[in-house]
Amino acid sequence: MPISAVDTISLAVEHTKQQLFKPFRLGQWIKLAFVGLLAGELGSGGNFNFRFPRSGGSGTWHPGLGGMNLALVATMVAVIVAAALVIGIILMYISSVMRFVLFDSVLARDCRIRAGWNHRQGPGARYFVWKILYALFTLGGMALLIGIPAAFAFAAGWFREPKAHLAPLILGGVFLFFVVMIFALITGVIFVLTKDFVIPQMALEEITVMEGWRRLWPLIQADKGGYAGYIGMKIVMAIGAGIMVGIATVILGVIIAIPTVGLSILAILTGKTAGLTWNAYTITLAVVVGSILISIFLFLVALLSVPFIVFFPAYSIYFFAARYPALSAVLYPAAAPALNAIPAPPPPQQPPPLPSTPEPIG
């Protein structure tokens, strides 16, 4: 009988201890934090009156924005949105490849980023395409689930006279809330099962996501209780891990925020004294510096989360290995014959038998 979701916990815990603490290797922690962060494995303002430059040309200005040029603001917003979209797509591709690098790192108990990145471009690209389609499907489904009832309520005039239609609005809103939650739960489970059980198949057999699901679905149907228990245990453990990581993140944030705020105030006062104003260059500089600080903070959080970065993939690997022979063969390799072994001495040669004594004649 395959191992249960509860019994798998001890195997994943022991694997995590062996990989991270026996022996402890700081370089491996840093690599795993980097890979885990990119793979997506984790759980202001003062009253300083800045002087914005006033246009001497034909620019349009709005006093509610401190005199900032609306055309400049619109352009910067458009550039930021476009840049965020491009960066998001790039990070999604990197995350897709790093998911395989993380799988290899946990399975082999050794993180090799460059070799894994070069080796996993093919399956990472296929997983990236699937994630794009998955995101479009999820967003499209949400838009339909919310948009169709909203359009119906608007056409029926419920929004124009909400007090007259209070009961259907409340009942419809409650029903819509549960429908959206069920849709989010189903799509979330699909993503988790793909990440945990389709990725190993893609890594070991170079198949597509859909082929992996075609093979996974009969396994789920044959062991509904086992996989349901896995999902339930993972939700419980994810909540616990999220609480612990959240507490550590708050403490780390407080430690980092004190000097960061002090230095920011000093920089603002210095810039104001030097006559610096908000413009495209200073805003860009502020965004770049803020992005760097956020990246450093996220990496430190990932460094604290390395045990969870290893534990959760190990948990899925050990659970699935009992149900997927190809993964079990890699996780539990057969004992190889000993090399350079001293051959056993041959048995001592027995002397040849003596000829029989002839019987005397007569």
Protein backbone atom coordinates (compact mmCIF):
# COMPACT_ATOMS: atom_id res chain seq x y z
CA MET A 1 0.00 0.00 0.00
CA PRO A 2 1.44 3.46 -0.91
CA ILE A 3 2.66 5.62 1.93
CA SER A 4 0.08 8.02 3.38
CA ALA A 5 0.29 11.80 3.41
CA VAL A 6 0.86 11.78 7.18
CA ASP A 7 3.66 9.21 7.10
CA THR A 8 5.41 11.16 4.33
CA ILE A 9 6.02 14.07 6.70
CA SER A 10 8.72 12.24 8.65
CA LEU A 11 10.54 11.29 5.45
CA ALA A 12 10.49 14.89 4.22
CA VAL A 13 11.69 16.18 7.59
CA GLU A 14 14.58 13.73 7.65
CA HIS A 15 15.48 14.61 4.06
CA THR A 16 15.50 18.32 4.95
CA LYS A 17 17.78 17.73 7.94
CA GLN A 18 20.15 15.60 5.90
CA GLN A 19 20.38 18.10 3.04
CA LEU A 20 20.70 21.29 5.09
CA PHE A 21 22.41 20.35 8.33
CA LYS A 22 24.46 17.19 7.72
CA PRO A 23 26.69 18.97 6.96
CA PHE A 24 25.70 22.63 7.06
CA ARG A 25 26.85 24.41 3.90
CA LEU A 26 26.25 28.15 3.70
CA GLY A 27 26.78 28.17 -0.06
CA GLN A 28 23.98 25.64 -0.52
CA TRP A 29 21.65 27.73 1.66
CA ILE A 30 22.31 30.82 -0.47
CA LYS A 31 21.76 28.91 -3.71
CA LEU A 32 18.57 27.29 -2.44
CA ALA A 33 17.26 30.65 -1.21
CA PHE A 34 17.92 32.14 -4.66
CA VAL A 35 16.29 29.23 -6.49
CA GLY A 36 13.35 29.07 -4.10
CA LEU A 37 12.71 32.79 -4.41
CA LEU A 38 12.73 32.69 -8.20
CA ALA A 39 10.72 29.46 -8.32
CA GLY A 40 7.98 31.05 -6.20
CA GLU A 41 8.28 28.59 -3.35
CA LEU A 42 7.87 31.01 -0.53
CA GLY A 43 4.96 32.06 2.26
CA SER A 44 5.21 55.64 3.97
CA GLY A 45 5.18 58.67 3.34
CA GLY A 46 6.14 61.81 5.17
CA ASN A 47 4.80 65.32 5.04
CA PHE A 48 7.71 66.77 3.15
CA ASN A 49 6.54 69.36 0.64
CA PHE A 50 8.65 68.89 -2.48
CA ARG A 51 8.79 71.68 -4.99
CA PHE A 52 7.79 70.38 -8.41
CA PRO A 53 9.08 72.45 -11.35
CA ARG A 54 6.51 74.52 -13.18
CA SER A 55 6.44 74.43 -16.93
CA GLY A 56 7.39 77.40 -18.97
CA GLY A 57 5.95 75.83 -22.12
CA SER A 58 2.63 74.41 -23.19
CA GLY A 59 2.44 71.59 -20.69
CA THR A 60 -0.76 70.95 -18.77
CA TRP A 61 -0.52 71.29 -15.00
CA HIS A 62 -2.88 70.31 -12.25
CA PRO A 63 -2.67 71.97 -8.84
CA GLY A 64 -4.02 68.86 -7.12
CA LEU A 65 -0.85 67.01 -8.12
CA GLY A 66 1.50 69.62 -6.73
CA GLY A 67 1.90 71.19 -10.15
CA MET A 68 3.18 68.01 -11.78
CA ASN A 69 2.82 67.76 -15.54
CA LEU A 70 -0.12 65.42 -16.26
CA ALA A 71 1.42 64.35 -19.57
CA LEU A 72 4.60 63.37 -17.75
CA VAL A 73 2.63 61.45 -15.14
CA ALA A 74 0.59 59.62 -17.78
CA THR A 75 3.73 58.73 -19.72
CA MET A 76 5.51 57.45 -16.64
CA VAL A 77 2.49 55.40 -15.61
CA ALA A 78 2.27 53.84 -19.07
CA VAL A 79 6.00 53.07 -19.04
CA ILE A 80 5.79 51.55 -15.56
CA VAL A 81 2.81 49.38 -16.52
CA ALA A 82 4.50 48.18 -19.72
CA ALA A 83 7.77 47.53 -17.89
CA ALA A 84 5.94 45.64 -15.14
CA LEU A 85 4.22 43.46 -17.74
CA VAL A 86 7.49 42.66 -19.51
CA ILE A 87 9.32 42.01 -16.25
CA GLY A 88 6.43 39.83 -15.06
CA ILE A 89 6.62 37.66 -18.18
CA ILE A 90 10.40 37.35 -17.86
CA LEU A 91 10.10 36.39 -14.19
CA MET A 92 7.41 33.86 -15.06
CA TYR A 93 9.78 32.18 -17.52
CA ILE A 94 12.62 32.23 -15.00
CA SER A 95 10.27 30.79 -12.38
CA SER A 96 9.25 28.00 -14.76
CA VAL A 97 12.85 26.89 -15.32
CA MET A 98 13.79 27.34 -11.67
CA ARG A 99 10.96 25.02 -10.66
CA PHE A 100 12.87 22.20 -12.36
CA VAL A 101 16.17 23.38 -10.88
CA LEU A 102 14.59 23.20 -7.42
CA PHE A 103 13.24 19.72 -8.12
CA ASP A 104 16.69 18.53 -9.20
CA SER A 105 18.32 20.22 -6.19
CA VAL A 106 16.07 18.48 -3.69
CA LEU A 107 16.15 15.13 -5.45
CA ALA A 108 19.96 15.12 -5.74
CA ARG A 109 20.48 16.98 -2.41
CA ASP A 110 22.81 19.34 -4.21
CA CYS A 111 21.92 22.70 -5.79
CA ARG A 112 23.70 23.49 -9.06
CA ILE A 113 22.07 26.53 -10.60
CA ARG A 114 24.09 26.95 -13.79
CA ALA A 115 23.99 23.29 -14.78
CA GLY A 116 20.30 23.04 -13.92
CA TRP A 117 19.46 26.22 -15.84
CA ASN A 118 21.22 24.98 -18.98
CA HIS A 119 19.73 21.50 -18.71
CA ARG A 120 16.11 22.44 -17.99
CA GLN A 121 15.36 24.98 -20.71
CA GLY A 122 13.16 22.57 -22.67
CA PRO A 123 10.75 21.46 -19.93
CA GLY A 124 10.87 24.94 -18.40
CA ALA A 125 9.66 26.47 -21.67
CA ARG A 126 6.80 23.96 -21.89
CA TYR A 127 5.81 24.67 -18.30
CA PHE A 128 6.00 28.42 -19.01
CA VAL A 129 3.54 28.11 -21.90
CA TRP A 130 1.19 26.14 -19.68
CA LYS A 131 1.36 28.80 -16.96
CA ILE A 132 0.49 31.51 -19.48
CA LEU A 133 -2.56 29.53 -20.59
CA TYR A 134 -3.45 28.78 -16.98
CA ALA A 135 -3.28 32.48 -16.05
CA LEU A 136 -5.48 33.43 -19.03
CA PHE A 137 -7.97 30.71 -18.12
CA THR A 138 -8.08 31.78 -14.47
CA LEU A 139 -8.49 35.48 -15.26
CA GLY A 140 -11.04 34.74 -17.96
CA GLY A 141 -13.02 32.49 -15.65
CA MET A 142 -13.03 35.11 -12.91
CA ALA A 143 -14.14 37.76 -15.38
CA LEU A 144 -17.04 35.60 -16.56
CA LEU A 145 -18.11 34.55 -13.08
CA ILE A 146 -18.18 38.14 -11.84
CA GLY A 147 -19.01 39.97 -15.07
CA ILE A 148 -22.09 38.01 -16.14
CA PRO A 149 -23.98 38.40 -12.81
CA ALA A 150 -22.90 42.05 -12.58
CA ALA A 151 -24.15 42.71 -16.13
CA PHE A 152 -27.43 40.98 -15.33
CA ALA A 153 -27.89 43.02 -12.14
CA PHE A 154 -27.08 46.22 -14.02
CA ALA A 155 -29.51 45.40 -16.83
CA ALA A 156 -32.23 44.60 -14.29
CA GLY A 157 -31.72 47.98 -12.67
CA TRP A 158 -30.59 46.63 -9.31
CA PHE A 159 -27.66 49.03 -9.10
CA ARG A 160 -29.76 52.07 -9.95
CA GLU A 161 -32.15 51.42 -7.06
CA PRO A 162 -30.20 49.18 -4.67
CA LYS A 163 -32.57 49.71 -1.73
CA ALA A 164 -35.47 48.33 -3.72
CA HIS A 165 -33.49 45.21 -4.63
CA LEU A 166 -31.58 44.71 -1.40
CA ALA A 167 -32.58 41.06 -0.90
CA PRO A 168 -31.53 39.78 -4.37
CA LEU A 169 -28.32 41.80 -4.19
CA ILE A 170 -27.36 40.27 -0.83
CA LEU A 171 -28.37 36.72 -1.76
CA GLY A 172 -26.76 37.01 -5.17
CA GLY A 173 -23.58 38.43 -3.66
CA VAL A 174 -23.32 35.59 -1.14
CA PHE A 175 -23.93 32.98 -3.82
CA LEU A 176 -21.42 34.62 -6.15
CA PHE A 177 -18.85 34.73 -3.35
CA PHE A 178 -19.06 30.98 -2.80
CA VAL A 179 -18.97 30.27 -6.54
CA VAL A 180 -15.83 32.38 -6.94
CA MET A 181 -14.24 30.71 -3.91
CA ILE A 182 -14.97 27.24 -5.34
CA PHE A 183 -13.50 28.26 -8.70
CA ALA A 184 -10.40 29.66 -6.97
CA LEU A 185 -10.04 26.45 -4.93
CA ILE A 186 -10.32 24.23 -8.00
CA THR A 187 -7.80 26.26 -10.02
CA GLY A 188 -5.47 26.39 -7.01
CA VAL A 189 -5.58 22.61 -6.61
CA ILE A 190 -4.88 22.18 -10.32
CA PHE A 191 -1.82 24.40 -10.03
CA VAL A 192 -0.52 22.61 -6.92
CA LEU A 193 -0.98 19.15 -8.43
CA THR A 194 0.75 20.28 -11.62
CA LYS A 195 3.66 21.72 -9.67
CA ASP A 196 4.03 18.72 -7.38
CA PHE A 197 3.19 15.72 -9.56
CA VAL A 198 3.41 16.76 -13.22
CA ILE A 199 6.79 18.50 -12.91
CA PRO A 200 8.53 15.26 -11.82
CA GLN A 201 7.15 13.47 -14.88
CA MET A 202 8.29 16.29 -17.16
CA ALA A 203 11.73 16.26 -15.54
CA LEU A 204 12.26 12.50 -15.78
CA GLU A 205 10.53 11.69 -19.07
CA GLU A 206 10.60 14.96 -21.09
CA ILE A 207 6.83 14.98 -21.64
CA THR A 208 4.37 17.87 -21.88
CA VAL A 209 2.12 19.16 -19.12
CA MET A 210 -0.99 17.71 -20.74
CA GLU A 211 0.64 14.30 -21.13
CA GLY A 212 1.66 14.47 -17.49
CA TRP A 213 -1.94 15.18 -16.51
CA ARG A 214 -3.16 12.35 -18.75
CA ARG A 215 -0.98 9.99 -16.73
CA LEU A 216 -1.68 11.59 -13.36
CA TRP A 217 -5.48 11.54 -13.57
CA PRO A 218 -5.84 7.71 -13.43
CA LEU A 219 -3.50 7.68 -10.41
CA ILE A 220 -5.71 10.22 -8.63
CA GLN A 221 -8.87 8.27 -9.46
CA ALA A 222 -7.32 5.07 -8.13
CA ASP A 223 -6.25 6.71 -4.87
CA LYS A 224 -8.69 9.54 -4.21
CA GLY A 225 -8.29 9.32 -0.45
CA GLY A 226 -4.51 9.45 -0.60
CA TYR A 227 -4.38 12.53 -2.81
CA ALA A 228 -7.16 14.24 -0.88
CA GLY A 229 -5.19 13.65 2.29
CA TYR A 230 -2.12 15.07 0.60
CA ILE A 231 -3.95 18.27 -0.36
CA GLY A 232 -5.41 18.59 3.14
CA MET A 233 -2.07 18.06 4.86
CA LYS A 234 -0.35 20.48 2.52
CA ILE A 235 -2.92 23.18 3.26
CA VAL A 236 -2.46 22.70 7.01
CA MET A 237 1.33 22.70 6.77
CA ALA A 238 1.32 25.69 4.41
CA ILE A 239 -0.73 27.66 6.93
CA GLY A 240 1.69 26.76 9.71
CA ALA A 241 4.72 27.58 7.59
CA GLY A 242 3.11 30.86 6.51
CA ILE A 243 2.59 31.88 10.13
CA MET A 244 6.20 31.11 11.06
CA VAL A 245 7.62 32.83 8.00
CA GLY A 246 5.29 35.76 8.56
CA ILE A 247 6.52 36.24 12.13
CA ALA A 248 10.13 36.04 10.97
CA THR A 249 9.37 38.49 8.15
CA VAL A 250 7.84 41.03 10.53
CA ILE A 251 10.84 40.83 12.85
CA LEU A 252 13.25 41.13 9.93
CA GLY A 253 11.21 44.00 8.49
CA VAL A 254 11.37 45.93 11.76
CA ILE A 255 15.13 45.39 11.99
CA ILE A 256 15.65 46.62 8.41
CA ALA A 257 13.03 49.38 8.49
CA ILE A 258 14.66 51.41 11.30
CA PRO A 259 17.95 52.19 9.49
CA THR A 260 16.20 52.35 6.09
CA VAL A 261 13.73 55.00 7.24
CA GLY A 262 16.53 56.98 8.87
CA LEU A 263 18.65 56.93 5.74
CA SER A 264 15.63 57.81 3.58
CA ILE A 265 14.82 60.85 5.71
CA LEU A 266 18.45 61.92 5.56
CA ALA A 267 18.48 61.52 1.77
CA ILE A 268 15.25 63.50 1.39
CA LEU A 269 16.48 66.33 3.58
CA THR A 270 19.82 66.40 1.77
CA GLY A 271 18.13 66.42 -1.62
CA LYS A 272 15.77 69.19 -0.57
CA THR A 273 18.68 71.26 0.71
CA ALA A 274 20.53 70.72 -2.57
CA GLY A 275 17.49 71.92 -4.51
CA LEU A 276 16.54 68.57 -6.02
CA THR A 277 12.98 68.26 -7.25
CA TRP A 278 10.70 65.46 -8.35
CA ASN A 279 11.22 64.81 -12.04
CA ALA A 280 11.60 61.82 -14.32
CA TYR A 281 15.19 61.21 -13.18
CA THR A 282 14.65 61.49 -9.42
CA ILE A 283 11.47 59.40 -9.56
CA THR A 284 13.25 56.73 -11.62
CA LEU A 285 16.13 56.75 -9.14
CA ALA A 286 13.70 56.35 -6.24
CA VAL A 287 11.97 53.44 -7.99
CA VAL A 288 15.29 51.71 -8.72
CA VAL A 289 16.57 52.14 -5.17
CA GLY A 290 13.25 50.96 -3.75
CA SER A 291 13.27 47.90 -6.02
CA ILE A 292 16.80 47.01 -4.92
CA LEU A 293 15.86 47.31 -1.24
CA ILE A 294 12.75 45.18 -1.76
CA SER A 295 14.79 42.55 -3.62
CA ILE A 296 17.34 42.39 -0.79
CA PHE A 297 14.56 42.09 1.78
CA LEU A 298 12.86 39.28 -0.18
CA PHE A 299 16.16 37.43 -0.50
CA LEU A 300 16.72 37.63 3.24
CA VAL A 301 13.22 36.27 3.80
CA ALA A 302 14.00 33.45 1.36
CA LEU A 303 17.23 32.74 3.24
CA LEU A 304 15.23 32.28 6.44
CA SER A 305 12.73 30.11 4.56
CA VAL A 306 15.26 27.62 3.13
CA PRO A 307 14.05 24.75 5.37
CA PHE A 308 10.54 25.17 3.95
CA ILE A 309 11.93 25.61 0.42
CA VAL A 310 13.45 22.13 0.75
CA PHE A 311 10.76 20.50 2.88
CA PHE A 312 7.72 21.05 0.64
CA PRO A 313 9.32 19.74 -2.59
CA ALA A 314 10.73 16.81 -0.60
CA TYR A 315 7.25 16.13 0.78
CA SER A 316 5.76 15.93 -2.70
CA ILE A 317 8.68 13.85 -4.00
CA TYR A 318 8.43 11.18 -1.30
CA PHE A 319 4.64 11.02 -1.57
CA PHE A 320 4.67 10.69 -5.34
CA ALA A 321 7.62 8.30 -5.46
CA ALA A 322 5.44 5.62 -3.84
CA ARG A 323 3.02 6.00 -6.75
CA TYR A 324 5.37 6.76 -9.65
CA PRO A 325 7.99 4.04 -10.33
CA ALA A 326 10.29 6.27 -12.41
CA LEU A 327 10.69 8.71 -9.52
CA SER A 328 11.07 5.89 -7.01
CA ALA A 329 13.92 4.42 -9.07
CA VAL A 330 15.81 7.72 -8.86
CA LEU A 331 14.99 8.38 -5.21
CA TYR A 332 15.84 4.84 -4.09
CA PRO A 333 18.56 3.68 -6.49
CA ALA A 334 19.49 0.04 -6.33
CA ALA A 335 22.72 -0.67 -4.48
CA ALA A 336 25.53 -0.52 -7.00
CA PRO A 337 28.17 -3.25 -6.92
CA ALA A 338 31.22 -2.32 -4.90
CA LEU A 339 34.07 -1.00 -7.03
CA ASN A 340 37.70 -1.99 -6.61
CA ALA A 341 36.64 -4.81 -4.34
CA ILE A 342 39.35 -7.40 -3.57
CA PRO A 343 38.30 -10.59 -5.29
CA ALA A 344 37.75 -13.55 -3.03
CA PRO A 345 40.53 -16.11 -3.20
CA PRO A 346 39.71 -19.17 -5.23
CA PRO A 347 38.98 -22.31 -3.30
CA PRO A 348 42.01 -24.47 -2.69
CA GLN A 349 42.64 -26.99 -5.41
CA GLN A 350 41.99 -30.54 -4.46
CA PRO A 351 44.71 -33.06 -5.36
CA PRO A 352 43.75 -35.35 -8.21
CA PRO A 353 42.35 -38.69 -7.09
CA LEU A 354 44.86 -41.52 -6.85
CA PRO A 355 44.49 -44.33 -9.34
CA SER A 356 42.78 -47.36 -7.98
CA THR A 357 45.06 -50.23 -6.87
CA PRO A 358 44.87 -53.09 -9.29
CA GLU A 359 43.64 -56.32 -7.86
CA PRO A 360 46.28 -59.10 -7.67
CA ILE A 361 46.09 -61.78 -10.36
CA GLY A 362 45.49 -65.29 -9.18
